Amino acid sequence: MSIEERVKQFNEKDCTKKSYSVDEVVLMLGVVRQTVYKLIKQGCFEAIILDGTYRIKKDSFDHWLDNE
């Protein structure tokens, strides 16, 4: 399954979703957690820390993914 198909699958489950967890991005991209943290630190997409965990802004992630 392509990355685009995985993202679409996540978005179909909850169309009101405003952010992704690190684990969701891991599943969508098919990478390890450390890669997602590295992308966050590189500023590839916006993320905030909420209750000690990162939440990745959906629109920022989607924009990054569309431009990759």
C-alpha atoms as a PDB file:
ATOM      1  CA  MET A   1       0.000   0.000   0.000  1.00  0.00           C
ATOM      2  CA  SER A   2       1.378   3.423  -0.929  1.00  0.00           C
ATOM      3  CA  ILE A   3       1.903   6.252   1.536  1.00  0.00           C
ATOM      4  CA  GLU A   4      -0.935   8.195  -0.075  1.00  0.00           C
ATOM      5  CA  GLU A   5      -3.301   5.249   0.389  1.00  0.00           C
ATOM      6  CA  ARG A   6      -2.309   4.903   4.057  1.00  0.00           C
ATOM      7  CA  VAL A   7      -2.879   8.620   4.688  1.00  0.00           C
ATOM      8  CA  LYS A   8      -6.257   8.438   2.947  1.00  0.00           C
ATOM      9  CA  GLN A   9      -7.186   5.431   5.093  1.00  0.00           C
ATOM     10  CA  PHE A  10      -6.380   7.357   8.302  1.00  0.00           C
ATOM     11  CA  ASN A  11      -8.336  10.389   7.122  1.00  0.00           C
ATOM     12  CA  GLU A  12     -11.405   8.336   6.191  1.00  0.00           C
ATOM     13  CA  LYS A  13     -11.646   7.027   9.758  1.00  0.00           C
ATOM     14  CA  ASP A  14     -11.986  10.513  11.235  1.00  0.00           C
ATOM     15  CA  CYS A  15     -12.481  13.403   8.849  1.00  0.00           C
ATOM     16  CA  THR A  16     -12.420  15.916  11.731  1.00  0.00           C
ATOM     17  CA  LYS A  17      -8.872  14.970  12.718  1.00  0.00           C
ATOM     18  CA  LYS A  18      -6.657  18.039  13.230  1.00  0.00           C
ATOM     19  CA  SER A  19      -3.449  16.264  14.235  1.00  0.00           C
ATOM     20  CA  TYR A  20      -1.626  12.959  14.057  1.00  0.00           C
ATOM     21  CA  SER A  21       0.264  11.107  16.744  1.00  0.00           C
ATOM     22  CA  VAL A  22       3.834  10.019  16.134  1.00  0.00           C
ATOM     23  CA  ASP A  23       2.598   6.418  15.933  1.00  0.00           C
ATOM     24  CA  GLU A  24       0.093   7.318  13.212  1.00  0.00           C
ATOM     25  CA  VAL A  25       2.811   9.015  11.149  1.00  0.00           C
ATOM     26  CA  VAL A  26       5.062   5.979  11.680  1.00  0.00           C
ATOM     27  CA  LEU A  27       2.347   3.734  10.236  1.00  0.00           C
ATOM     28  CA  MET A  28       1.583   6.068   7.341  1.00  0.00           C
ATOM     29  CA  LEU A  29       5.211   6.529   6.305  1.00  0.00           C
ATOM     30  CA  GLY A  30       6.367   3.019   7.151  1.00  0.00           C
ATOM     31  CA  VAL A  31       9.370   4.298   9.106  1.00  0.00           C
ATOM     32  CA  VAL A  32      10.631   3.961  12.667  1.00  0.00           C
ATOM     33  CA  ARG A  33       9.738   6.422  15.446  1.00  0.00           C
ATOM     34  CA  GLN A  34      13.209   7.946  15.441  1.00  0.00           C
ATOM     35  CA  THR A  35      12.740   9.016  11.820  1.00  0.00           C
ATOM     36  CA  VAL A  36       9.533  10.885  12.695  1.00  0.00           C
ATOM     37  CA  TYR A  37      11.260  12.637  15.603  1.00  0.00           C
ATOM     38  CA  LYS A  38      14.113  13.561  13.267  1.00  0.00           C
ATOM     39  CA  LEU A  39      11.646  15.028  10.739  1.00  0.00           C
ATOM     40  CA  ILE A  40      10.008  17.053  13.525  1.00  0.00           C
ATOM     41  CA  LYS A  41      13.378  18.396  14.693  1.00  0.00           C
ATOM     42  CA  GLN A  42      14.319  19.274  11.094  1.00  0.00           C
ATOM     43  CA  GLY A  43      11.135  21.355  10.858  1.00  0.00           C
ATOM     44  CA  CYS A  44       9.632  19.308   8.036  1.00  0.00           C
ATOM     45  CA  PHE A  45       6.190  19.720   9.595  1.00  0.00           C
ATOM     46  CA  GLU A  46       4.755  21.448  12.631  1.00  0.00           C
ATOM     47  CA  ALA A  47       4.332  19.571  15.866  1.00  0.00           C
ATOM     48  CA  ILE A  48       3.435  20.537  19.410  1.00  0.00           C
ATOM     49  CA  ILE A  49       3.976  18.747  22.677  1.00  0.00           C
ATOM     50  CA  LEU A  50       0.716  17.977  24.441  1.00  0.00           C
ATOM     51  CA  ASP A  51       0.738  16.074  27.729  1.00  0.00           C
ATOM     52  CA  GLY A  52       4.348  15.079  27.103  1.00  0.00           C
ATOM     53  CA  THR A  53       3.785  13.651  23.622  1.00  0.00           C
ATOM     54  CA  TYR A  54       4.101  15.136  20.170  1.00  0.00           C
ATOM     55  CA  ARG A  55       1.027  15.922  18.097  1.00  0.00           C
ATOM     56  CA  ILE A  56       1.757  16.629  14.451  1.00  0.00           C
ATOM     57  CA  LYS A  57      -0.472  19.200  12.804  1.00  0.00           C
ATOM     58  CA  LYS A  58      -2.424  17.434  10.078  1.00  0.00           C
ATOM     59  CA  ASP A  59      -2.414  20.295   7.584  1.00  0.00           C
ATOM     60  CA  SER A  60       1.330  20.812   8.018  1.00  0.00           C
ATOM     61  CA  PHE A  61       2.064  17.092   7.593  1.00  0.00           C
ATOM     62  CA  ASP A  62      -0.242  16.800   4.576  1.00  0.00           C
ATOM     63  CA  HIS A  63       1.407  19.835   2.945  1.00  0.00           C
ATOM     64  CA  TRP A  64       4.877  18.376   3.556  1.00  0.00           C
ATOM     65  CA  LEU A  65       3.814  15.011   2.165  1.00  0.00           C
ATOM     66  CA  ASP A  66       2.314  16.587  -0.962  1.00  0.00           C
ATOM     67  CA  ASN A  67       5.582  18.405  -1.649  1.00  0.00           C
ATOM     68  CA  GLU A  68       7.894  15.414  -1.117  1.00  0.00           C
END
